[in-house]
Structure formats: structure tokens, C-alpha cells
Amino acid sequence: MKKLSARRRHPLAAVVVLLLALAATGGLYTAFAPADQAQADETAQSLAIDEGKRLFSVGCASCHGTGGQGSSDGPSLVGVGAAAVDFQVGTGRMPLQQQGAQAPKKKVIYSQAEIDQLAAYVASLGAGPAKPTKNQTDPSGADIAKGGELFRTNCAQCHNFTGEGGALTHGKYAPNLRDTSPKHIYEAMLTGPQNMPSFPDTTMPEKNKKDIIAYLHAVNSSESTTPGGLKLGGLGPVAEGLFAWIFGLGALIAVAAWVAARTAKAKRS
């Protein structure tokens, strides 16, 4: 008993007890921790990548290459990230129907589950922007006025000040944003599809993106009103040109007719 008591009072006794406690804790954690859940998640991700690779080889590899490395018909997808895939495929722009100046928005042919699988496969080819969460794209509580300022500064040159879209050069155009979901607007800003510049979080923070989404929702919702009457920009991307063509050219024709009539009258005199 004296020997046992002496051992308990030994300076290293506390260290030994602590090590034994840590070892026991580690063993219990290993035995009861949700390792099965982590393994299940890893397995599900692996299956999603495999299924995405199969879908990619059928619908995308003919243009982007069997490994997403790109070809003469399509760019490399290495490093574009899951967000780019979710935007392009989720809006029907991909797979491309035919080569042209720009990929138009059209009917989506993949389910969201299949889009997620394609995104998982492309994301596995190289690091890139991930799909935004619902919280990132929710405009609730965002600053609409700030969003309008940011949109007019960075986007209105192409998309019109209310997001109605507009023509660009060589057959390209900025699409109408009226029916675009907040998620796809966020992904477009994040990845910069086609002619659009990208606005990563280092350039435009997440809060500013939400402000822009809130602004577009405010000006394009069915509840928005125009107290001054029908807005010119709301007629479409060529409204101003149509106005100038009808009234401007009409005025020039009227002036030309008046000048011709006066000239003829002067000659008869």
C-alpha cells in the first residue's frame, strides 16, 4: 500500500493519467464517431463524379474533349468549377445546339440531379468556383439602392439599366435578366460566361452580389410599377433605336419634303 501511495505521488503520475485518458477518449471516438457517415458522403461524391463522367462523355465530350481538356469546338473545362457548369447547363445554354456567335438560353434537358453530377465531375478536373448556397443568393435584407448603383456602374452598359438586355458586336448580345433566377445571376457574376467579365468575391464581395440580385428583383418583379407611364427601356433592348427611327427619321423626311416643296415653288415663281 505504501508503494502504491508513493507511485500516486510520483511527479509523472498526472502525466501518465492524462495520457491514458487521451488514449481512452481517442479509442472511444474512433469506435463511436460517425465514420460511416463520412465514408458514405465520400462514396456518394465518388458515385456522382463517376455518373457525371458518363453523362459528360455522352453529351459534352464531342466538343470539350474526353477529359474536358477542350478542342477546336469547345474550350477547356479544367478549373471552371461547378458554378460554371450549373449556370451553363442549368439555363439550357449547354449542350450547345449549334455553333454560333453566342450560346442562347433554351430548354433545359438535364434534371438538377444530373446537372449536379456533371458539376461534380467537372469540379474534379481542377479547382474552380463552387455552386453558391441558398443563403448566398437570397436577396432578403439586401440594399436595393446600393445594388442599383453597382448594376448601373458595372452591368448597365450591356444589360440596360433595368436588365432588359441589349445588342453587342458581331451577333453577340447581353441577355434579358427578367426571368433569370437569383442563383444563376450569382453564378454568372462569379464565373463570367461568354462575353461577360467575371466578378469573383475578391472583386465584388458576396454582399454586393446580393445587393444586385435584390435590385434586379425589385425592378423586374410583377409588383414593380412605373408611375410616369410605360418606361422606354421596358419595351426591350431596341426601344431607343425604334423611337429614333420612327420619330427622328420621320422628322428628317418631313423636313426634306418641305424643302423640296419650297424649292419647286420658288422655281415656278
C-alpha atoms as a PDB file:
ATOM      1  CA  MET A   1       0.000   0.000   0.000  1.00  0.00           C
ATOM      2  CA  LYS A   2       2.865   2.341   0.800  1.00  0.00           C
ATOM      3  CA  LYS A   3       4.463   1.551  -2.555  1.00  0.00           C
ATOM      4  CA  LEU A   4       1.166   2.269  -4.396  1.00  0.00           C
ATOM      5  CA  SER A   5       0.723   5.515  -2.474  1.00  0.00           C
ATOM      6  CA  ALA A   6       4.250   6.537  -3.350  1.00  0.00           C
ATOM      7  CA  ARG A   7       3.600   5.861  -7.040  1.00  0.00           C
ATOM      8  CA  ARG A   8       0.499   8.042  -6.910  1.00  0.00           C
ATOM      9  CA  ARG A   9       2.561  10.880  -5.523  1.00  0.00           C
ATOM     10  CA  HIS A  10       5.213  10.455  -8.234  1.00  0.00           C
ATOM     11  CA  PRO A  11       5.668  13.672 -10.340  1.00  0.00           C
ATOM     12  CA  LEU A  12       4.896  11.788 -13.561  1.00  0.00           C
ATOM     13  CA  ALA A  13       1.692  10.217 -12.261  1.00  0.00           C
ATOM     14  CA  ALA A  14      -0.509  13.065 -13.522  1.00  0.00           C
ATOM     15  CA  VAL A  15       1.100  12.874 -16.963  1.00  0.00           C
ATOM     16  CA  VAL A  16       0.526   9.121 -17.156  1.00  0.00           C
ATOM     17  CA  VAL A  17      -3.123   9.500 -16.134  1.00  0.00           C
ATOM     18  CA  LEU A  18      -3.604  12.255 -18.727  1.00  0.00           C
ATOM     19  CA  LEU A  19      -2.101  10.113 -21.485  1.00  0.00           C
ATOM     20  CA  LEU A  20      -4.298   7.180 -20.529  1.00  0.00           C
ATOM     21  CA  ALA A  21      -7.371   9.442 -20.579  1.00  0.00           C
ATOM     22  CA  LEU A  22      -6.476  10.804 -24.011  1.00  0.00           C
ATOM     23  CA  ALA A  23      -5.904   7.309 -25.343  1.00  0.00           C
ATOM     24  CA  ALA A  24      -9.246   6.168 -23.975  1.00  0.00           C
ATOM     25  CA  THR A  25     -11.014   9.204 -25.439  1.00  0.00           C
ATOM     26  CA  GLY A  26      -9.421   8.620 -28.832  1.00  0.00           C
ATOM     27  CA  GLY A  27     -10.394   4.974 -28.781  1.00  0.00           C
ATOM     28  CA  LEU A  28     -13.984   5.744 -27.870  1.00  0.00           C
ATOM     29  CA  TYR A  29     -14.201   8.439 -30.557  1.00  0.00           C
ATOM     30  CA  THR A  30     -12.835   6.050 -33.154  1.00  0.00           C
ATOM     31  CA  ALA A  31     -15.350   3.438 -32.119  1.00  0.00           C
ATOM     32  CA  PHE A  32     -18.415   5.651 -31.962  1.00  0.00           C
ATOM     33  CA  ALA A  33     -17.674   8.622 -34.254  1.00  0.00           C
ATOM     34  CA  PRO A  34     -19.864   8.940 -37.394  1.00  0.00           C
ATOM     35  CA  ALA A  35     -17.169   7.489 -39.629  1.00  0.00           C
ATOM     36  CA  ASP A  36     -19.841   5.649 -41.555  1.00  0.00           C
ATOM     37  CA  GLN A  37     -21.477   8.969 -42.465  1.00  0.00           C
ATOM     38  CA  ALA A  38     -18.198  10.466 -43.659  1.00  0.00           C
ATOM     39  CA  GLN A  39     -17.455   7.342 -45.651  1.00  0.00           C
ATOM     40  CA  ALA A  40     -20.991   7.405 -47.079  1.00  0.00           C
ATOM     41  CA  ASP A  41     -20.552  11.044 -48.152  1.00  0.00           C
ATOM     42  CA  GLU A  42     -17.248  10.223 -49.805  1.00  0.00           C
ATOM     43  CA  THR A  43     -18.810   7.263 -51.576  1.00  0.00           C
ATOM     44  CA  ALA A  44     -21.756   9.374 -52.758  1.00  0.00           C
ATOM     45  CA  GLN A  45     -19.382  12.036 -54.102  1.00  0.00           C
ATOM     46  CA  SER A  46     -17.357   9.377 -55.910  1.00  0.00           C
ATOM     47  CA  LEU A  47     -20.517   7.914 -57.442  1.00  0.00           C
ATOM     48  CA  ALA A  48     -21.653  11.408 -58.500  1.00  0.00           C
ATOM     49  CA  ILE A  49     -18.306  12.007 -60.231  1.00  0.00           C
ATOM     50  CA  ASP A  50     -18.497   8.641 -61.994  1.00  0.00           C
ATOM     51  CA  GLU A  51     -22.059   9.286 -63.158  1.00  0.00           C
ATOM     52  CA  GLY A  52     -21.116  12.815 -64.176  1.00  0.00           C
ATOM     53  CA  LYS A  53     -18.246  11.447 -66.231  1.00  0.00           C
ATOM     54  CA  ARG A  54     -20.646   9.120 -68.026  1.00  0.00           C
ATOM     55  CA  LEU A  55     -23.045  11.973 -68.784  1.00  0.00           C
ATOM     56  CA  PHE A  56     -20.122  14.134 -69.892  1.00  0.00           C
ATOM     57  CA  SER A  57     -18.836  11.527 -72.330  1.00  0.00           C
ATOM     58  CA  VAL A  58     -22.284  11.328 -73.957  1.00  0.00           C
ATOM     59  CA  GLY A  59     -23.305  14.979 -74.094  1.00  0.00           C
ATOM     60  CA  CYS A  60     -20.172  17.115 -73.759  1.00  0.00           C
ATOM     61  CA  ALA A  61     -17.001  15.265 -74.792  1.00  0.00           C
ATOM     62  CA  SER A  62     -17.560  15.754 -78.533  1.00  0.00           C
ATOM     63  CA  CYS A  63     -16.768  19.468 -78.096  1.00  0.00           C
ATOM     64  CA  HIS A  64     -14.839  19.700 -74.824  1.00  0.00           C
ATOM     65  CA  GLY A  65     -12.724  16.566 -75.178  1.00  0.00           C
ATOM     66  CA  THR A  66     -12.979  13.263 -73.344  1.00  0.00           C
ATOM     67  CA  GLY A  67     -11.151  14.661 -70.325  1.00  0.00           C
ATOM     68  CA  GLY A  68     -12.535  18.184 -70.517  1.00  0.00           C
ATOM     69  CA  GLN A  69      -9.255  19.439 -71.952  1.00  0.00           C
ATOM     70  CA  GLY A  70     -11.035  21.285 -74.770  1.00  0.00           C
ATOM     71  CA  SER A  71     -10.836  21.104 -78.548  1.00  0.00           C
ATOM     72  CA  SER A  72     -11.268  23.287 -81.611  1.00  0.00           C
ATOM     73  CA  ASP A  73     -15.045  23.169 -80.991  1.00  0.00           C
ATOM     74  CA  GLY A  74     -15.079  23.960 -77.272  1.00  0.00           C
ATOM     75  CA  PRO A  75     -12.891  25.449 -74.530  1.00  0.00           C
ATOM     76  CA  SER A  76     -11.141  23.550 -71.769  1.00  0.00           C
ATOM     77  CA  LEU A  77     -13.256  22.973 -68.670  1.00  0.00           C
ATOM     78  CA  VAL A  78     -10.340  22.335 -66.336  1.00  0.00           C
ATOM     79  CA  GLY A  79     -10.692  24.811 -63.469  1.00  0.00           C
ATOM     80  CA  VAL A  80     -14.048  26.356 -64.481  1.00  0.00           C
ATOM     81  CA  GLY A  81     -15.672  24.887 -61.369  1.00  0.00           C
ATOM     82  CA  ALA A  82     -19.106  23.557 -60.516  1.00  0.00           C
ATOM     83  CA  ALA A  83     -20.728  27.012 -60.638  1.00  0.00           C
ATOM     84  CA  ALA A  84     -19.983  27.408 -64.354  1.00  0.00           C
ATOM     85  CA  VAL A  85     -21.497  24.006 -65.139  1.00  0.00           C
ATOM     86  CA  ASP A  86     -24.593  24.700 -63.054  1.00  0.00           C
ATOM     87  CA  PHE A  87     -25.121  28.008 -64.892  1.00  0.00           C
ATOM     88  CA  GLN A  88     -24.432  26.832 -68.449  1.00  0.00           C
ATOM     89  CA  VAL A  89     -26.338  23.543 -68.224  1.00  0.00           C
ATOM     90  CA  GLY A  90     -28.974  24.818 -65.801  1.00  0.00           C
ATOM     91  CA  THR A  91     -30.009  27.582 -68.227  1.00  0.00           C
ATOM     92  CA  GLY A  92     -30.015  25.301 -71.269  1.00  0.00           C
ATOM     93  CA  ARG A  93     -27.077  27.039 -72.922  1.00  0.00           C
ATOM     94  CA  MET A  94     -25.203  23.755 -72.831  1.00  0.00           C
ATOM     95  CA  PRO A  95     -25.077  21.338 -74.527  1.00  0.00           C
ATOM     96  CA  LEU A  96     -24.752  23.708 -77.473  1.00  0.00           C
ATOM     97  CA  GLN A  97     -27.346  23.185 -80.186  1.00  0.00           C
ATOM     98  CA  GLN A  98     -25.137  24.599 -82.923  1.00  0.00           C
ATOM     99  CA  GLN A  99     -22.019  26.703 -83.226  1.00  0.00           C
ATOM    100  CA  GLY A 100     -22.703  30.429 -83.341  1.00  0.00           C
ATOM    101  CA  ALA A 101     -21.709  33.819 -82.049  1.00  0.00           C
ATOM    102  CA  GLN A 102     -23.260  33.032 -78.676  1.00  0.00           C
ATOM    103  CA  ALA A 103     -24.936  30.163 -76.861  1.00  0.00           C
ATOM    104  CA  PRO A 104     -28.613  31.100 -76.384  1.00  0.00           C
ATOM    105  CA  LYS A 105     -30.729  30.254 -73.364  1.00  0.00           C
ATOM    106  CA  LYS A 106     -33.060  27.369 -74.188  1.00  0.00           C
ATOM    107  CA  LYS A 107     -34.993  24.495 -72.636  1.00  0.00           C
ATOM    108  CA  VAL A 108     -33.013  22.554 -70.029  1.00  0.00           C
ATOM    109  CA  ILE A 109     -32.583  18.906 -70.999  1.00  0.00           C
ATOM    110  CA  TYR A 110     -30.942  17.610 -67.809  1.00  0.00           C
ATOM    111  CA  SER A 111     -32.526  17.187 -64.390  1.00  0.00           C
ATOM    112  CA  GLN A 112     -30.992  19.068 -61.459  1.00  0.00           C
ATOM    113  CA  ALA A 113     -29.588  15.792 -60.138  1.00  0.00           C
ATOM    114  CA  GLU A 114     -27.822  15.180 -63.458  1.00  0.00           C
ATOM    115  CA  ILE A 115     -26.555  18.763 -63.527  1.00  0.00           C
ATOM    116  CA  ASP A 116     -25.117  18.243 -60.040  1.00  0.00           C
ATOM    117  CA  GLN A 117     -23.365  15.088 -61.252  1.00  0.00           C
ATOM    118  CA  LEU A 118     -21.906  16.879 -64.269  1.00  0.00           C
ATOM    119  CA  ALA A 119     -20.785  19.709 -61.987  1.00  0.00           C
ATOM    120  CA  ALA A 120     -19.140  17.230 -59.607  1.00  0.00           C
ATOM    121  CA  TYR A 121     -17.191  15.642 -62.452  1.00  0.00           C
ATOM    122  CA  VAL A 122     -16.015  18.951 -63.944  1.00  0.00           C
ATOM    123  CA  ALA A 123     -15.075  20.206 -60.470  1.00  0.00           C
ATOM    124  CA  SER A 124     -12.900  17.104 -60.044  1.00  0.00           C
ATOM    125  CA  LEU A 125     -10.848  18.131 -63.109  1.00  0.00           C
ATOM    126  CA  GLY A 126      -9.492  21.231 -61.379  1.00  0.00           C
ATOM    127  CA  ALA A 127     -10.315  23.703 -58.625  1.00  0.00           C
ATOM    128  CA  GLY A 128     -12.840  26.402 -59.555  1.00  0.00           C
ATOM    129  CA  PRO A 129     -15.801  28.380 -58.182  1.00  0.00           C
ATOM    130  CA  ALA A 130     -18.263  26.208 -56.278  1.00  0.00           C
ATOM    131  CA  LYS A 131     -22.032  26.489 -56.589  1.00  0.00           C
ATOM    132  CA  PRO A 132     -23.411  29.201 -54.297  1.00  0.00           C
ATOM    133  CA  THR A 133     -25.580  28.246 -51.362  1.00  0.00           C
ATOM    134  CA  LYS A 134     -29.177  29.379 -50.988  1.00  0.00           C
ATOM    135  CA  ASN A 135     -28.100  31.794 -48.268  1.00  0.00           C
ATOM    136  CA  GLN A 136     -25.579  33.416 -50.625  1.00  0.00           C
ATOM    137  CA  THR A 137     -28.205  34.100 -53.294  1.00  0.00           C
ATOM    138  CA  ASP A 138     -31.119  35.091 -51.052  1.00  0.00           C
ATOM    139  CA  PRO A 139     -31.745  38.838 -51.577  1.00  0.00           C
ATOM    140  CA  SER A 140     -33.687  39.244 -48.332  1.00  0.00           C
ATOM    141  CA  GLY A 141     -32.395  42.222 -46.375  1.00  0.00           C
ATOM    142  CA  ALA A 142     -30.062  43.351 -49.169  1.00  0.00           C
ATOM    143  CA  ASP A 143     -29.531  47.019 -50.048  1.00  0.00           C
ATOM    144  CA  ILE A 144     -31.578  47.617 -53.224  1.00  0.00           C
ATOM    145  CA  ALA A 145     -30.293  51.171 -53.701  1.00  0.00           C
ATOM    146  CA  LYS A 146     -26.682  50.016 -53.454  1.00  0.00           C
ATOM    147  CA  GLY A 147     -27.468  47.177 -55.838  1.00  0.00           C
ATOM    148  CA  GLY A 148     -28.861  49.646 -58.373  1.00  0.00           C
ATOM    149  CA  GLU A 149     -25.718  51.757 -58.109  1.00  0.00           C
ATOM    150  CA  LEU A 150     -23.490  48.723 -58.612  1.00  0.00           C
ATOM    151  CA  PHE A 151     -25.581  47.445 -61.513  1.00  0.00           C
ATOM    152  CA  ARG A 152     -25.542  50.778 -63.335  1.00  0.00           C
ATOM    153  CA  THR A 153     -21.785  51.036 -62.841  1.00  0.00           C
ATOM    154  CA  ASN A 154     -20.797  47.502 -63.838  1.00  0.00           C
ATOM    155  CA  CYS A 155     -23.630  45.951 -65.853  1.00  0.00           C
ATOM    156  CA  ALA A 156     -25.963  48.517 -67.446  1.00  0.00           C
ATOM    157  CA  GLN A 157     -23.617  49.209 -70.380  1.00  0.00           C
ATOM    158  CA  CYS A 158     -24.581  45.815 -71.788  1.00  0.00           C
ATOM    159  CA  HIS A 159     -27.726  44.682 -69.961  1.00  0.00           C
ATOM    160  CA  ASN A 160     -29.622  48.015 -69.989  1.00  0.00           C
ATOM    161  CA  PHE A 161     -30.233  49.814 -66.691  1.00  0.00           C
ATOM    162  CA  THR A 162     -33.153  47.518 -65.780  1.00  0.00           C
ATOM    163  CA  GLY A 163     -31.616  44.278 -67.078  1.00  0.00           C
ATOM    164  CA  GLU A 164     -33.635  44.212 -70.314  1.00  0.00           C
ATOM    165  CA  GLY A 165     -30.559  43.172 -72.302  1.00  0.00           C
ATOM    166  CA  GLY A 166     -29.034  44.683 -75.409  1.00  0.00           C
ATOM    167  CA  ALA A 167     -27.155  44.037 -78.619  1.00  0.00           C
ATOM    168  CA  LEU A 168     -23.363  43.724 -78.723  1.00  0.00           C
ATOM    169  CA  THR A 169     -20.935  43.374 -81.633  1.00  0.00           C
ATOM    170  CA  HIS A 170     -20.623  40.545 -84.189  1.00  0.00           C
ATOM    171  CA  GLY A 171     -24.019  38.991 -83.448  1.00  0.00           C
ATOM    172  CA  LYS A 172     -23.479  38.802 -79.692  1.00  0.00           C
ATOM    173  CA  TYR A 173     -25.877  40.189 -77.110  1.00  0.00           C
ATOM    174  CA  ALA A 174     -26.405  40.692 -73.407  1.00  0.00           C
ATOM    175  CA  PRO A 175     -29.428  38.578 -72.404  1.00  0.00           C
ATOM    176  CA  ASN A 176     -32.565  39.798 -70.689  1.00  0.00           C
ATOM    177  CA  LEU A 177     -32.327  39.118 -66.940  1.00  0.00           C
ATOM    178  CA  ARG A 178     -36.045  39.339 -66.138  1.00  0.00           C
ATOM    179  CA  ASP A 179     -36.664  35.604 -65.704  1.00  0.00           C
ATOM    180  CA  THR A 180     -33.185  34.648 -64.501  1.00  0.00           C
ATOM    181  CA  SER A 181     -33.089  33.020 -61.075  1.00  0.00           C
ATOM    182  CA  PRO A 182     -31.005  34.564 -58.257  1.00  0.00           C
ATOM    183  CA  LYS A 183     -28.758  31.502 -58.286  1.00  0.00           C
ATOM    184  CA  HIS A 184     -27.944  31.845 -61.972  1.00  0.00           C
ATOM    185  CA  ILE A 185     -27.390  35.615 -61.662  1.00  0.00           C
ATOM    186  CA  TYR A 186     -24.912  34.961 -58.847  1.00  0.00           C
ATOM    187  CA  GLU A 187     -23.173  32.218 -60.846  1.00  0.00           C
ATOM    188  CA  ALA A 188     -22.930  34.474 -63.904  1.00  0.00           C
ATOM    189  CA  MET A 189     -21.249  37.188 -61.848  1.00  0.00           C
ATOM    190  CA  LEU A 190     -18.963  34.595 -60.286  1.00  0.00           C
ATOM    191  CA  THR A 191     -17.864  32.852 -63.490  1.00  0.00           C
ATOM    192  CA  GLY A 192     -18.278  35.425 -66.288  1.00  0.00           C
ATOM    193  CA  PRO A 193     -19.964  33.335 -69.006  1.00  0.00           C
ATOM    194  CA  GLN A 194     -19.274  34.048 -72.689  1.00  0.00           C
ATOM    195  CA  ASN A 195     -18.789  37.829 -73.208  1.00  0.00           C
ATOM    196  CA  MET A 196     -19.362  38.794 -69.592  1.00  0.00           C
ATOM    197  CA  PRO A 197     -16.438  39.676 -67.287  1.00  0.00           C
ATOM    198  CA  SER A 198     -16.190  37.693 -64.065  1.00  0.00           C
ATOM    199  CA  PHE A 199     -16.669  39.264 -60.641  1.00  0.00           C
ATOM    200  CA  PRO A 200     -15.104  36.925 -58.059  1.00  0.00           C
ATOM    201  CA  ASP A 201     -15.619  37.633 -54.375  1.00  0.00           C
ATOM    202  CA  THR A 202     -12.239  39.349 -54.254  1.00  0.00           C
ATOM    203  CA  THR A 203     -13.527  41.903 -56.798  1.00  0.00           C
ATOM    204  CA  MET A 204     -17.202  42.048 -55.834  1.00  0.00           C
ATOM    205  CA  PRO A 205     -17.946  40.708 -52.331  1.00  0.00           C
ATOM    206  CA  GLU A 206     -20.851  38.375 -51.697  1.00  0.00           C
ATOM    207  CA  LYS A 207     -22.886  41.180 -50.100  1.00  0.00           C
ATOM    208  CA  ASN A 208     -22.632  43.326 -53.250  1.00  0.00           C
ATOM    209  CA  LYS A 209     -23.776  40.411 -55.407  1.00  0.00           C
ATOM    210  CA  LYS A 210     -26.833  40.017 -53.191  1.00  0.00           C
ATOM    211  CA  ASP A 211     -27.498  43.757 -53.488  1.00  0.00           C
ATOM    212  CA  ILE A 212     -27.509  43.481 -57.298  1.00  0.00           C
ATOM    213  CA  ILE A 213     -29.833  40.471 -57.182  1.00  0.00           C
ATOM    214  CA  ALA A 214     -32.200  42.411 -54.913  1.00  0.00           C
ATOM    215  CA  TYR A 215     -32.163  45.384 -57.304  1.00  0.00           C
ATOM    216  CA  LEU A 216     -32.993  43.245 -60.329  1.00  0.00           C
ATOM    217  CA  HIS A 217     -35.766  41.526 -58.407  1.00  0.00           C
ATOM    218  CA  ALA A 218     -37.195  44.927 -57.413  1.00  0.00           C
ATOM    219  CA  VAL A 219     -37.211  46.456 -60.911  1.00  0.00           C
ATOM    220  CA  ASN A 220     -38.369  43.341 -62.739  1.00  0.00           C
ATOM    221  CA  SER A 221     -40.933  41.887 -60.350  1.00  0.00           C
ATOM    222  CA  SER A 222     -44.610  41.901 -61.288  1.00  0.00           C
ATOM    223  CA  GLU A 223     -45.219  44.220 -58.329  1.00  0.00           C
ATOM    224  CA  SER A 224     -42.943  46.976 -59.647  1.00  0.00           C
ATOM    225  CA  THR A 225     -44.719  49.993 -61.122  1.00  0.00           C
ATOM    226  CA  THR A 226     -43.793  52.955 -63.314  1.00  0.00           C
ATOM    227  CA  PRO A 227     -45.793  55.971 -62.066  1.00  0.00           C
ATOM    228  CA  GLY A 228     -44.698  58.092 -65.030  1.00  0.00           C
ATOM    229  CA  GLY A 229     -46.180  55.696 -67.565  1.00  0.00           C
ATOM    230  CA  LEU A 230     -44.713  52.956 -69.744  1.00  0.00           C
ATOM    231  CA  LYS A 231     -40.934  53.071 -69.413  1.00  0.00           C
ATOM    232  CA  LEU A 232     -38.986  53.287 -72.661  1.00  0.00           C
ATOM    233  CA  GLY A 233     -36.316  50.844 -71.504  1.00  0.00           C
ATOM    234  CA  GLY A 234     -39.018  48.336 -70.576  1.00  0.00           C
ATOM    235  CA  LEU A 235     -40.030  47.839 -74.189  1.00  0.00           C
ATOM    236  CA  GLY A 236     -36.914  45.826 -74.992  1.00  0.00           C
ATOM    237  CA  PRO A 237     -33.268  46.217 -75.988  1.00  0.00           C
ATOM    238  CA  VAL A 238     -34.038  48.180 -79.213  1.00  0.00           C
ATOM    239  CA  ALA A 239     -36.695  50.522 -77.805  1.00  0.00           C
ATOM    240  CA  GLU A 240     -34.500  53.621 -78.030  1.00  0.00           C
ATOM    241  CA  GLY A 241     -33.453  52.770 -81.584  1.00  0.00           C
ATOM    242  CA  LEU A 242     -37.060  52.207 -82.619  1.00  0.00           C
ATOM    243  CA  PHE A 243     -38.032  55.551 -81.125  1.00  0.00           C
ATOM    244  CA  ALA A 244     -35.215  57.331 -83.003  1.00  0.00           C
ATOM    245  CA  TRP A 245     -36.053  55.500 -86.254  1.00  0.00           C
ATOM    246  CA  ILE A 246     -39.748  56.415 -86.251  1.00  0.00           C
ATOM    247  CA  PHE A 247     -39.636  59.960 -84.932  1.00  0.00           C
ATOM    248  CA  GLY A 248     -36.134  61.002 -85.932  1.00  0.00           C
ATOM    249  CA  LEU A 249     -36.285  59.658 -89.467  1.00  0.00           C
ATOM    250  CA  GLY A 250     -39.891  60.837 -89.782  1.00  0.00           C
ATOM    251  CA  ALA A 251     -38.827  64.347 -88.876  1.00  0.00           C
ATOM    252  CA  LEU A 252     -35.994  64.255 -91.442  1.00  0.00           C
ATOM    253  CA  ILE A 253     -38.390  63.100 -94.173  1.00  0.00           C
ATOM    254  CA  ALA A 254     -40.828  65.870 -93.275  1.00  0.00           C
ATOM    255  CA  VAL A 255     -38.053  68.485 -93.457  1.00  0.00           C
ATOM    256  CA  ALA A 256     -36.829  67.110 -96.789  1.00  0.00           C
ATOM    257  CA  ALA A 257     -40.365  67.211 -98.223  1.00  0.00           C
ATOM    258  CA  TRP A 258     -40.819  70.785 -97.020  1.00  0.00           C
ATOM    259  CA  VAL A 259     -37.512  71.868 -98.579  1.00  0.00           C
ATOM    260  CA  ALA A 260     -38.401  70.181-101.884  1.00  0.00           C
ATOM    261  CA  ALA A 261     -41.818  71.817-101.936  1.00  0.00           C
ATOM    262  CA  ARG A 262     -40.340  75.256-101.244  1.00  0.00           C
ATOM    263  CA  THR A 263     -37.688  74.744-103.943  1.00  0.00           C
ATOM    264  CA  ALA A 264     -40.302  73.724-106.528  1.00  0.00           C
ATOM    265  CA  LYS A 265     -42.491  76.685-105.645  1.00  0.00           C
ATOM    266  CA  ALA A 266     -39.544  79.070-105.970  1.00  0.00           C
ATOM    267  CA  LYS A 267     -38.684  77.704-109.435  1.00  0.00           C
ATOM    268  CA  ARG A 268     -42.293  78.192-110.634  1.00  0.00           C
ATOM    269  CA  SER A 269     -42.205  81.779-109.434  1.00  0.00           C
END
